[in-house]
């Protein structure tokens, strides 16, 4: 949860949690655990989620890794070496990273049509509406993300739909004025 709140990359979360648990065990006087096996190969780079090209490259790399994992899955277990087994074991993490980055890439490629300011107990939060979004789903996700009461979902969705209709009407009037 801490890693999500601090917007840390999920590949950093697991080693961080392991280190924190290890330090906690040491401070409690428990026996020292053998070190966790070291990762082979280069560490994954932390990417700038605001850089569309960097996110796109990382998504492609993860998709390639998933294709490689699919090929490895077709091989017999005895034919796999240690690195291949580790790659197979990392499938869930790779798939999760890929899904999250694909979602981020989608948000980068579809710019917000309208941004709503929503006042919550913890301050003003911004809700971005993009072309193709469903107001009800967006309101539900927003309320879940900010631990808001479920009773607020429908009024929030209705308000968003009303403002979007007003925006469309305003655009239509501006276009009509421009044609005259």
N, C-alpha and C. Protein backbone atom coordinates (compact mmCIF):
# COMPACT_ATOMS: atom_id res chain seq x y z
N UNK A 1 0.82 -1.19 0.00
CA UNK A 1 0.00 0.00 0.00
C UNK A 1 0.87 1.26 0.00
N UNK A 2 1.93 1.24 0.81
CA UNK A 2 2.84 2.38 0.87
C UNK A 2 3.41 2.67 -0.51
N UNK A 3 3.81 1.63 -1.23
CA UNK A 3 4.42 1.81 -2.55
C UNK A 3 3.43 2.42 -3.53
N UNK A 4 2.16 2.02 -3.46
CA UNK A 4 1.15 2.60 -4.35
C UNK A 4 0.92 4.06 -4.00
N UNK A 5 0.84 4.37 -2.69
CA UNK A 5 0.61 5.74 -2.27
C UNK A 5 1.75 6.65 -2.69
N UNK A 6 2.97 6.12 -2.68
CA UNK A 6 4.15 6.90 -3.03
C UNK A 6 4.46 6.82 -4.53
N UNK A 7 3.59 6.13 -5.28
CA UNK A 7 3.73 5.97 -6.73
C UNK A 7 5.07 5.33 -7.10
N UNK A 8 5.48 4.31 -6.31
CA UNK A 8 6.71 3.59 -6.60
C UNK A 8 6.43 2.51 -7.63
N UNK A 9 7.42 2.18 -8.40
CA UNK A 9 7.30 1.14 -9.40
C UNK A 9 7.13 -0.19 -8.68
N UNK A 10 6.18 -1.02 -9.13
CA UNK A 10 5.89 -2.27 -8.44
C UNK A 10 7.09 -3.22 -8.38
N UNK A 11 7.98 -3.26 -9.38
CA UNK A 11 9.15 -4.13 -9.22
C UNK A 11 10.03 -3.72 -8.03
N UNK A 12 9.92 -2.49 -7.60
CA UNK A 12 10.68 -2.04 -6.44
C UNK A 12 9.99 -2.44 -5.14
N UNK A 13 8.70 -2.65 -5.20
CA UNK A 13 7.91 -2.89 -4.00
C UNK A 13 8.30 -4.19 -3.31
N UNK A 14 8.46 -5.26 -4.08
CA UNK A 14 8.75 -6.58 -3.49
C UNK A 14 10.10 -6.57 -2.77
N UNK A 15 11.19 -6.15 -3.44
CA UNK A 15 12.46 -6.14 -2.71
C UNK A 15 12.44 -5.21 -1.50
N UNK A 16 11.75 -4.08 -1.61
CA UNK A 16 11.65 -3.15 -0.50
C UNK A 16 10.94 -3.81 0.68
N UNK A 17 9.84 -4.49 0.40
CA UNK A 17 9.09 -5.17 1.47
C UNK A 17 9.94 -6.27 2.10
N UNK A 18 10.69 -7.02 1.28
CA UNK A 18 11.55 -8.08 1.82
C UNK A 18 12.63 -7.50 2.73
N UNK A 19 13.23 -6.39 2.31
CA UNK A 19 14.26 -5.76 3.13
C UNK A 19 13.68 -5.27 4.46
N UNK A 20 12.50 -4.66 4.38
CA UNK A 20 11.88 -4.14 5.60
C UNK A 20 11.56 -5.28 6.56
N UNK A 21 11.05 -6.41 6.04
CA UNK A 21 10.74 -7.56 6.90
C UNK A 21 12.02 -8.12 7.50
N UNK A 22 13.09 -8.19 6.69
CA UNK A 22 14.35 -8.72 7.17
C UNK A 22 14.90 -7.85 8.30
N UNK A 23 14.84 -6.53 8.15
CA UNK A 23 15.31 -5.63 9.20
C UNK A 23 14.46 -5.75 10.46
N UNK A 24 13.16 -5.94 10.27
CA UNK A 24 12.27 -6.10 11.40
C UNK A 24 12.63 -7.37 12.18
N UNK A 25 12.89 -8.47 11.44
CA UNK A 25 13.27 -9.72 12.10
C UNK A 25 14.58 -9.55 12.86
N UNK A 26 15.55 -8.86 12.25
CA UNK A 26 16.83 -8.64 12.92
C UNK A 26 16.68 -7.80 14.17
N UNK A 27 15.83 -6.77 14.10
CA UNK A 27 15.65 -5.90 15.27
C UNK A 27 14.89 -6.62 16.38
N UNK A 28 14.10 -7.64 16.03
CA UNK A 28 13.37 -8.42 17.04
C UNK A 28 14.22 -9.54 17.60
N UNK A 29 15.47 -9.67 17.12
CA UNK A 29 16.37 -10.69 17.64
C UNK A 29 16.17 -12.06 17.04
N UNK A 30 15.38 -12.15 16.00
CA UNK A 30 15.19 -13.44 15.35
C UNK A 30 16.45 -13.79 14.58
N UNK A 31 16.57 -15.07 14.25
CA UNK A 31 17.75 -15.53 13.53
C UNK A 31 17.81 -14.89 12.15
N UNK A 32 19.03 -14.75 11.70
CA UNK A 32 19.24 -14.16 10.38
C UNK A 32 18.85 -15.18 9.31
N UNK A 33 17.99 -14.76 8.41
CA UNK A 33 17.55 -15.62 7.31
C UNK A 33 18.59 -15.60 6.21
N UNK A 34 18.72 -16.71 5.46
CA UNK A 34 19.64 -16.69 4.33
C UNK A 34 19.15 -15.67 3.31
N UNK A 35 20.08 -15.01 2.63
CA UNK A 35 19.66 -13.98 1.67
C UNK A 35 18.84 -14.57 0.53
N UNK A 36 17.92 -13.78 0.06
CA UNK A 36 17.08 -14.17 -1.07
C UNK A 36 17.96 -14.21 -2.31
N UNK A 37 17.70 -15.18 -3.19
CA UNK A 37 18.54 -15.31 -4.38
C UNK A 37 18.54 -14.01 -5.18
N UNK A 38 19.72 -13.66 -5.64
CA UNK A 38 19.88 -12.42 -6.39
C UNK A 38 19.27 -12.56 -7.77
N UNK A 39 18.81 -11.47 -8.27
CA UNK A 39 18.22 -11.40 -9.60
C UNK A 39 19.33 -11.46 -10.63
N UNK A 40 19.11 -12.21 -11.69
CA UNK A 40 20.08 -12.30 -12.78
C UNK A 40 19.76 -11.24 -13.81
N UNK A 41 20.79 -10.76 -14.48
CA UNK A 41 20.59 -9.80 -15.55
C UNK A 41 20.46 -8.39 -15.01
N UNK A 42 20.27 -7.45 -15.92
CA UNK A 42 20.17 -6.05 -15.50
C UNK A 42 18.88 -5.78 -14.75
N UNK A 43 18.95 -4.80 -13.86
CA UNK A 43 17.75 -4.40 -13.14
C UNK A 43 16.82 -3.67 -14.10
N UNK A 44 15.50 -3.84 -13.93
CA UNK A 44 14.59 -3.10 -14.81
C UNK A 44 14.72 -1.61 -14.55
N UNK A 45 14.69 -0.85 -15.62
CA UNK A 45 14.81 0.60 -15.50
C UNK A 45 13.50 1.19 -15.00
N UNK A 46 13.62 2.22 -14.19
CA UNK A 46 12.44 2.96 -13.76
C UNK A 46 12.11 3.91 -14.91
N UNK A 47 10.86 3.85 -15.35
CA UNK A 47 10.50 4.69 -16.50
C UNK A 47 9.64 5.85 -16.05
N UNK A 48 9.73 6.91 -16.82
CA UNK A 48 8.94 8.11 -16.57
C UNK A 48 7.55 7.86 -17.15
N UNK A 49 6.54 7.79 -16.30
CA UNK A 49 5.18 7.50 -16.75
C UNK A 49 4.58 8.64 -17.56
N UNK A 50 5.24 9.78 -17.59
CA UNK A 50 4.78 10.89 -18.41
C UNK A 50 5.36 10.87 -19.81
N UNK A 51 6.32 9.99 -20.06
CA UNK A 51 6.98 9.88 -21.36
C UNK A 51 6.30 8.76 -22.15
N UNK A 52 5.45 9.16 -23.09
CA UNK A 52 4.67 8.19 -23.86
C UNK A 52 5.55 7.19 -24.60
N UNK A 53 6.65 7.66 -25.19
CA UNK A 53 7.53 6.77 -25.94
C UNK A 53 8.21 5.75 -25.02
N UNK A 54 8.65 6.20 -23.84
CA UNK A 54 9.30 5.29 -22.89
C UNK A 54 8.31 4.24 -22.40
N UNK A 55 7.08 4.64 -22.13
CA UNK A 55 6.06 3.69 -21.68
C UNK A 55 5.76 2.69 -22.80
N UNK A 56 5.65 3.20 -24.04
CA UNK A 56 5.37 2.32 -25.18
C UNK A 56 6.50 1.29 -25.37
N UNK A 57 7.76 1.74 -25.24
CA UNK A 57 8.90 0.81 -25.37
C UNK A 57 8.86 -0.26 -24.28
N UNK A 58 8.55 0.16 -23.06
CA UNK A 58 8.51 -0.80 -21.94
C UNK A 58 7.37 -1.80 -22.13
N UNK A 59 6.23 -1.33 -22.63
CA UNK A 59 5.10 -2.23 -22.89
C UNK A 59 5.51 -3.26 -23.94
N UNK A 60 6.17 -2.80 -25.01
CA UNK A 60 6.61 -3.74 -26.05
C UNK A 60 7.59 -4.77 -25.49
N UNK A 61 8.51 -4.32 -24.63
CA UNK A 61 9.48 -5.23 -24.01
C UNK A 61 8.77 -6.27 -23.14
N UNK A 62 7.78 -5.83 -22.38
CA UNK A 62 7.04 -6.76 -21.53
C UNK A 62 6.21 -7.73 -22.36
N UNK A 63 5.62 -7.24 -23.45
CA UNK A 63 4.86 -8.12 -24.33
C UNK A 63 5.77 -9.17 -24.96
N UNK A 64 6.99 -8.77 -25.33
CA UNK A 64 7.95 -9.72 -25.87
C UNK A 64 8.30 -10.78 -24.82
N UNK A 65 8.50 -10.33 -23.59
CA UNK A 65 8.82 -11.26 -22.52
C UNK A 65 7.67 -12.25 -22.30
N UNK A 66 6.43 -11.77 -22.40
CA UNK A 66 5.27 -12.65 -22.25
C UNK A 66 5.22 -13.68 -23.38
N UNK A 67 5.57 -13.25 -24.61
CA UNK A 67 5.60 -14.21 -25.73
C UNK A 67 6.67 -15.27 -25.48
N UNK A 68 7.83 -14.86 -24.95
CA UNK A 68 8.88 -15.81 -24.63
C UNK A 68 8.43 -16.79 -23.55
N UNK A 69 7.70 -16.29 -22.57
CA UNK A 69 7.18 -17.15 -21.51
C UNK A 69 6.20 -18.17 -22.09
N UNK A 70 5.36 -17.73 -23.02
CA UNK A 70 4.42 -18.65 -23.68
C UNK A 70 5.17 -19.78 -24.39
N UNK A 71 6.27 -19.43 -25.08
CA UNK A 71 7.08 -20.46 -25.76
C UNK A 71 7.69 -21.42 -24.75
N UNK A 72 8.18 -20.88 -23.63
CA UNK A 72 8.79 -21.73 -22.60
C UNK A 72 7.76 -22.67 -21.98
N UNK A 73 6.53 -22.22 -21.88
CA UNK A 73 5.48 -23.04 -21.29
C UNK A 73 5.24 -24.31 -22.11
N UNK A 74 5.50 -24.25 -23.41
CA UNK A 74 5.27 -25.41 -24.27
C UNK A 74 6.37 -26.46 -24.13
N UNK A 75 7.51 -26.08 -23.52
CA UNK A 75 8.61 -27.03 -23.34
C UNK A 75 8.39 -27.87 -22.08
N UNK A 76 8.99 -29.06 -22.08
CA UNK A 76 8.92 -29.93 -20.90
C UNK A 76 9.77 -29.34 -19.79
N UNK A 77 9.33 -29.46 -18.55
CA UNK A 77 10.00 -28.86 -17.41
C UNK A 77 11.46 -29.29 -17.30
N UNK A 78 11.76 -30.54 -17.65
CA UNK A 78 13.13 -31.03 -17.53
C UNK A 78 14.07 -30.40 -18.56
N UNK A 79 13.50 -29.83 -19.63
CA UNK A 79 14.32 -29.21 -20.67
C UNK A 79 14.67 -27.76 -20.33
N UNK A 80 14.14 -27.23 -19.24
CA UNK A 80 14.36 -25.83 -18.88
C UNK A 80 15.55 -25.67 -17.95
N UNK A 81 16.34 -24.63 -18.18
CA UNK A 81 17.43 -24.33 -17.24
C UNK A 81 16.89 -23.40 -16.15
N UNK A 82 17.76 -23.03 -15.22
CA UNK A 82 17.33 -22.23 -14.07
C UNK A 82 16.76 -20.87 -14.48
N UNK A 83 17.44 -20.19 -15.42
CA UNK A 83 16.96 -18.87 -15.85
C UNK A 83 15.58 -18.96 -16.51
N UNK A 84 15.38 -20.01 -17.29
CA UNK A 84 14.07 -20.19 -17.94
C UNK A 84 12.98 -20.45 -16.92
N UNK A 85 13.30 -21.23 -15.87
CA UNK A 85 12.33 -21.47 -14.81
C UNK A 85 11.98 -20.16 -14.08
N UNK A 86 13.01 -19.34 -13.84
CA UNK A 86 12.77 -18.05 -13.19
C UNK A 86 11.90 -17.15 -14.06
N UNK A 87 12.13 -17.20 -15.36
CA UNK A 87 11.32 -16.39 -16.27
C UNK A 87 9.87 -16.86 -16.22
N UNK A 88 9.66 -18.18 -16.20
CA UNK A 88 8.30 -18.72 -16.09
C UNK A 88 7.65 -18.29 -14.77
N UNK A 89 8.44 -18.31 -13.71
CA UNK A 89 7.90 -17.95 -12.40
C UNK A 89 7.54 -16.46 -12.32
N UNK A 90 8.15 -15.65 -13.17
CA UNK A 90 7.89 -14.21 -13.13
C UNK A 90 6.68 -13.80 -13.97
N UNK A 91 5.99 -14.76 -14.55
CA UNK A 91 4.89 -14.43 -15.48
C UNK A 91 3.84 -13.53 -14.85
N UNK A 92 3.40 -13.85 -13.66
CA UNK A 92 2.34 -13.06 -13.02
C UNK A 92 2.77 -11.60 -12.84
N UNK A 93 4.01 -11.41 -12.37
CA UNK A 93 4.52 -10.06 -12.16
C UNK A 93 4.65 -9.31 -13.50
N UNK A 94 5.16 -9.99 -14.52
CA UNK A 94 5.34 -9.37 -15.84
C UNK A 94 3.98 -9.00 -16.42
N UNK A 95 3.02 -9.91 -16.31
CA UNK A 95 1.68 -9.64 -16.83
C UNK A 95 1.04 -8.44 -16.11
N UNK A 96 1.21 -8.38 -14.80
CA UNK A 96 0.66 -7.28 -14.02
C UNK A 96 1.29 -5.95 -14.43
N UNK A 97 2.62 -5.93 -14.57
CA UNK A 97 3.31 -4.72 -15.01
C UNK A 97 2.82 -4.29 -16.39
N UNK A 98 2.67 -5.26 -17.28
CA UNK A 98 2.24 -4.97 -18.64
C UNK A 98 0.84 -4.36 -18.65
N UNK A 99 -0.07 -4.93 -17.89
CA UNK A 99 -1.44 -4.42 -17.82
C UNK A 99 -1.44 -2.99 -17.28
N UNK A 100 -0.68 -2.76 -16.20
CA UNK A 100 -0.64 -1.41 -15.62
C UNK A 100 -0.05 -0.39 -16.58
N UNK A 101 1.01 -0.76 -17.28
CA UNK A 101 1.63 0.18 -18.21
C UNK A 101 0.76 0.40 -19.45
N UNK A 102 0.05 -0.64 -19.89
CA UNK A 102 -0.88 -0.47 -21.01
C UNK A 102 -1.98 0.51 -20.63
N UNK A 103 -2.43 0.44 -19.39
CA UNK A 103 -3.45 1.37 -18.90
C UNK A 103 -2.89 2.81 -18.88
N UNK A 104 -1.65 2.96 -18.41
CA UNK A 104 -1.01 4.28 -18.39
C UNK A 104 -0.83 4.82 -19.80
N UNK A 105 -0.44 3.95 -20.73
CA UNK A 105 -0.25 4.36 -22.12
C UNK A 105 -1.56 4.81 -22.72
N UNK A 106 -2.64 4.10 -22.41
CA UNK A 106 -3.96 4.49 -22.90
C UNK A 106 -4.33 5.88 -22.40
N UNK A 107 -4.02 6.15 -21.14
CA UNK A 107 -4.33 7.47 -20.57
C UNK A 107 -3.48 8.56 -21.22
N UNK A 108 -2.24 8.23 -21.56
CA UNK A 108 -1.37 9.21 -22.21
C UNK A 108 -1.83 9.51 -23.63
N UNK A 109 -2.36 8.50 -24.30
CA UNK A 109 -2.76 8.67 -25.70
C UNK A 109 -4.14 9.32 -25.83
N UNK A 110 -5.00 9.11 -24.87
CA UNK A 110 -6.34 9.72 -24.91
C UNK A 110 -6.35 10.89 -23.93
N UNK A 111 -6.16 12.07 -24.45
CA UNK A 111 -6.13 13.26 -23.60
C UNK A 111 -7.51 13.52 -23.00
N UNK A 112 -7.56 14.11 -21.80
CA UNK A 112 -8.86 14.37 -21.17
C UNK A 112 -9.71 15.34 -21.98
N UNK A 113 -11.00 14.99 -22.11
CA UNK A 113 -11.97 15.88 -22.75
C UNK A 113 -12.42 16.94 -21.76
N UNK A 114 -12.54 16.50 -20.50
CA UNK A 114 -12.97 17.42 -19.45
C UNK A 114 -12.38 16.93 -18.12
N UNK A 115 -12.02 17.86 -17.27
CA UNK A 115 -11.51 17.54 -15.94
C UNK A 115 -12.48 18.10 -14.91
N UNK A 116 -12.93 17.24 -14.01
CA UNK A 116 -13.88 17.63 -12.98
C UNK A 116 -13.14 17.80 -11.66
N UNK A 117 -13.43 18.87 -10.95
CA UNK A 117 -12.90 19.09 -9.60
C UNK A 117 -13.91 18.51 -8.63
N UNK A 118 -13.47 17.53 -7.84
CA UNK A 118 -14.37 16.89 -6.88
C UNK A 118 -13.83 17.18 -5.49
N UNK A 119 -14.66 17.84 -4.67
CA UNK A 119 -14.24 18.17 -3.31
C UNK A 119 -14.50 16.97 -2.41
N UNK A 120 -13.42 16.49 -1.74
CA UNK A 120 -13.52 15.37 -0.81
C UNK A 120 -13.06 15.84 0.57
N UNK A 121 -13.18 14.98 1.56
CA UNK A 121 -12.72 15.32 2.91
C UNK A 121 -11.23 15.61 2.94
N UNK A 122 -10.48 14.98 2.04
CA UNK A 122 -9.03 15.17 2.02
C UNK A 122 -8.59 16.23 1.02
N UNK A 123 -9.54 17.03 0.53
CA UNK A 123 -9.21 18.11 -0.39
C UNK A 123 -9.81 17.88 -1.77
N UNK A 124 -9.46 18.76 -2.69
CA UNK A 124 -10.00 18.67 -4.05
C UNK A 124 -9.22 17.62 -4.83
N UNK A 125 -9.95 16.74 -5.48
CA UNK A 125 -9.37 15.69 -6.33
C UNK A 125 -9.86 15.94 -7.74
N UNK A 126 -9.06 15.51 -8.69
CA UNK A 126 -9.40 15.73 -10.09
C UNK A 126 -9.80 14.42 -10.75
N UNK A 127 -10.88 14.49 -11.50
CA UNK A 127 -11.42 13.33 -12.21
C UNK A 127 -11.39 13.67 -13.69
N UNK A 128 -10.60 12.92 -14.45
CA UNK A 128 -10.42 13.20 -15.87
C UNK A 128 -11.34 12.31 -16.70
N UNK A 129 -12.12 12.94 -17.57
CA UNK A 129 -12.99 12.22 -18.50
C UNK A 129 -12.32 12.24 -19.86
N UNK A 130 -12.19 11.05 -20.47
CA UNK A 130 -11.59 10.92 -21.79
C UNK A 130 -12.61 10.35 -22.76
N UNK A 131 -12.43 10.63 -24.04
CA UNK A 131 -13.32 10.10 -25.08
C UNK A 131 -13.40 8.58 -24.93
N UNK A 132 -14.62 8.07 -24.92
CA UNK A 132 -14.82 6.62 -24.78
C UNK A 132 -15.05 6.17 -23.35
N UNK A 133 -14.84 7.04 -22.37
CA UNK A 133 -15.08 6.67 -20.96
C UNK A 133 -16.57 6.60 -20.69
N UNK A 134 -16.95 5.78 -19.73
CA UNK A 134 -18.32 5.68 -19.26
C UNK A 134 -18.39 6.42 -17.92
N UNK A 135 -19.29 7.39 -17.81
CA UNK A 135 -19.37 8.22 -16.60
C UNK A 135 -19.62 7.40 -15.35
N UNK A 136 -20.50 6.41 -15.44
CA UNK A 136 -20.83 5.60 -14.27
C UNK A 136 -19.62 4.78 -13.82
N UNK A 137 -18.92 4.14 -14.75
CA UNK A 137 -17.73 3.36 -14.40
C UNK A 137 -16.64 4.27 -13.83
N UNK A 138 -16.48 5.43 -14.43
CA UNK A 138 -15.47 6.38 -13.97
C UNK A 138 -15.79 6.86 -12.55
N UNK A 139 -17.06 7.15 -12.29
CA UNK A 139 -17.48 7.59 -10.96
C UNK A 139 -17.29 6.48 -9.93
N UNK A 140 -17.61 5.23 -10.31
CA UNK A 140 -17.43 4.10 -9.39
C UNK A 140 -15.95 3.94 -9.04
N UNK A 141 -15.09 3.97 -10.04
CA UNK A 141 -13.65 3.82 -9.81
C UNK A 141 -13.12 4.97 -8.94
N UNK A 142 -13.59 6.18 -9.22
CA UNK A 142 -13.15 7.35 -8.45
C UNK A 142 -13.55 7.20 -6.98
N UNK A 143 -14.79 6.79 -6.73
CA UNK A 143 -15.27 6.63 -5.35
C UNK A 143 -14.50 5.52 -4.64
N UNK A 144 -14.20 4.44 -5.34
CA UNK A 144 -13.40 3.36 -4.74
C UNK A 144 -12.00 3.84 -4.41
N UNK A 145 -11.37 4.51 -5.38
CA UNK A 145 -9.99 4.98 -5.19
C UNK A 145 -9.85 5.95 -4.03
N UNK A 146 -10.88 6.75 -3.79
CA UNK A 146 -10.82 7.78 -2.75
C UNK A 146 -11.66 7.44 -1.53
N UNK A 147 -12.07 6.17 -1.42
CA UNK A 147 -12.85 5.67 -0.28
C UNK A 147 -14.06 6.55 0.01
N UNK A 148 -14.80 6.88 -1.04
CA UNK A 148 -16.01 7.68 -0.90
C UNK A 148 -17.21 6.76 -0.84
N UNK A 149 -18.29 7.23 -0.26
CA UNK A 149 -19.51 6.45 -0.09
C UNK A 149 -20.09 6.07 -1.46
N UNK A 150 -20.59 4.84 -1.57
CA UNK A 150 -21.18 4.36 -2.83
C UNK A 150 -22.41 5.17 -3.24
N UNK A 151 -23.04 5.84 -2.28
CA UNK A 151 -24.22 6.65 -2.60
C UNK A 151 -23.86 7.86 -3.47
N UNK A 152 -22.57 8.18 -3.56
CA UNK A 152 -22.13 9.33 -4.34
C UNK A 152 -21.89 8.99 -5.82
N UNK A 153 -21.86 7.71 -6.15
CA UNK A 153 -21.52 7.29 -7.51
C UNK A 153 -22.51 7.85 -8.53
N UNK A 154 -23.80 7.59 -8.32
CA UNK A 154 -24.80 8.03 -9.30
C UNK A 154 -24.89 9.55 -9.43
N UNK A 155 -24.94 10.30 -8.31
CA UNK A 155 -24.98 11.76 -8.48
C UNK A 155 -23.73 12.31 -9.19
N UNK A 156 -22.58 11.73 -8.90
CA UNK A 156 -21.34 12.16 -9.55
C UNK A 156 -21.41 11.86 -11.05
N UNK A 157 -21.87 10.66 -11.41
CA UNK A 157 -21.99 10.30 -12.83
C UNK A 157 -23.01 11.20 -13.53
N UNK A 158 -24.13 11.48 -12.86
CA UNK A 158 -25.14 12.36 -13.45
C UNK A 158 -24.59 13.77 -13.67
N UNK A 159 -23.86 14.27 -12.70
CA UNK A 159 -23.26 15.60 -12.82
C UNK A 159 -22.28 15.64 -14.00
N UNK A 160 -21.47 14.60 -14.11
CA UNK A 160 -20.51 14.54 -15.21
C UNK A 160 -21.22 14.54 -16.56
N UNK A 161 -22.27 13.72 -16.67
CA UNK A 161 -23.02 13.64 -17.93
C UNK A 161 -23.65 14.98 -18.26
N UNK A 162 -24.19 15.67 -17.25
CA UNK A 162 -24.81 16.97 -17.48
C UNK A 162 -23.77 17.98 -17.99
N UNK A 163 -22.61 18.02 -17.35
CA UNK A 163 -21.56 18.96 -17.77
C UNK A 163 -21.04 18.63 -19.17
N UNK A 164 -20.98 17.36 -19.50
CA UNK A 164 -20.53 16.96 -20.84
C UNK A 164 -21.55 17.39 -21.89
N UNK A 165 -22.85 17.25 -21.56
CA UNK A 165 -23.90 17.70 -22.49
C UNK A 165 -23.81 19.21 -22.69
N UNK A 166 -23.59 19.93 -21.59
CA UNK A 166 -23.45 21.39 -21.68
C UNK A 166 -22.26 21.77 -22.56
N UNK A 167 -21.17 21.04 -22.41
CA UNK A 167 -19.99 21.32 -23.22
C UNK A 167 -20.27 21.06 -24.71
N UNK A 168 -20.97 19.99 -25.00
CA UNK A 168 -21.33 19.68 -26.40
C UNK A 168 -22.24 20.76 -26.97
N UNK A 169 -23.20 21.20 -26.18
CA UNK A 169 -24.12 22.24 -26.61
C UNK A 169 -23.36 23.55 -26.88
N UNK A 170 -22.43 23.86 -25.99
CA UNK A 170 -21.62 25.07 -26.16
C UNK A 170 -20.78 25.00 -27.43
N UNK A 171 -20.19 23.85 -27.70
CA UNK A 171 -19.40 23.67 -28.93
C UNK A 171 -20.27 23.83 -30.16
N UNK A 172 -21.48 23.24 -30.11
CA UNK A 172 -22.39 23.33 -31.25
C UNK A 172 -22.78 24.79 -31.51
N UNK A 173 -23.02 25.54 -30.44
CA UNK A 173 -23.38 26.96 -30.58
C UNK A 173 -22.21 27.76 -31.17
N UNK A 174 -21.01 27.46 -30.73
CA UNK A 174 -19.83 28.17 -31.24
C UNK A 174 -19.63 27.86 -32.72
N UNK A 175 -19.85 26.60 -33.10
CA UNK A 175 -19.70 26.24 -34.52
C UNK A 175 -20.77 26.93 -35.36
N UNK A 176 -21.98 27.01 -34.84
CA UNK A 176 -23.07 27.67 -35.56
C UNK A 176 -22.77 29.17 -35.72
N UNK A 177 -22.22 29.80 -34.67
CA UNK A 177 -21.84 31.20 -34.74
C UNK A 177 -20.74 31.43 -35.76
N UNK A 178 -19.81 30.48 -35.84
CA UNK A 178 -18.70 30.61 -36.77
C UNK A 178 -19.12 30.46 -38.21
N UNK A 179 -20.19 29.74 -38.46
CA UNK A 179 -20.67 29.50 -39.83
C UNK A 179 -21.47 30.69 -40.36
N UNK A 180 -21.98 31.51 -39.47
CA UNK A 180 -22.81 32.65 -39.90
C UNK A 180 -22.01 33.78 -40.42
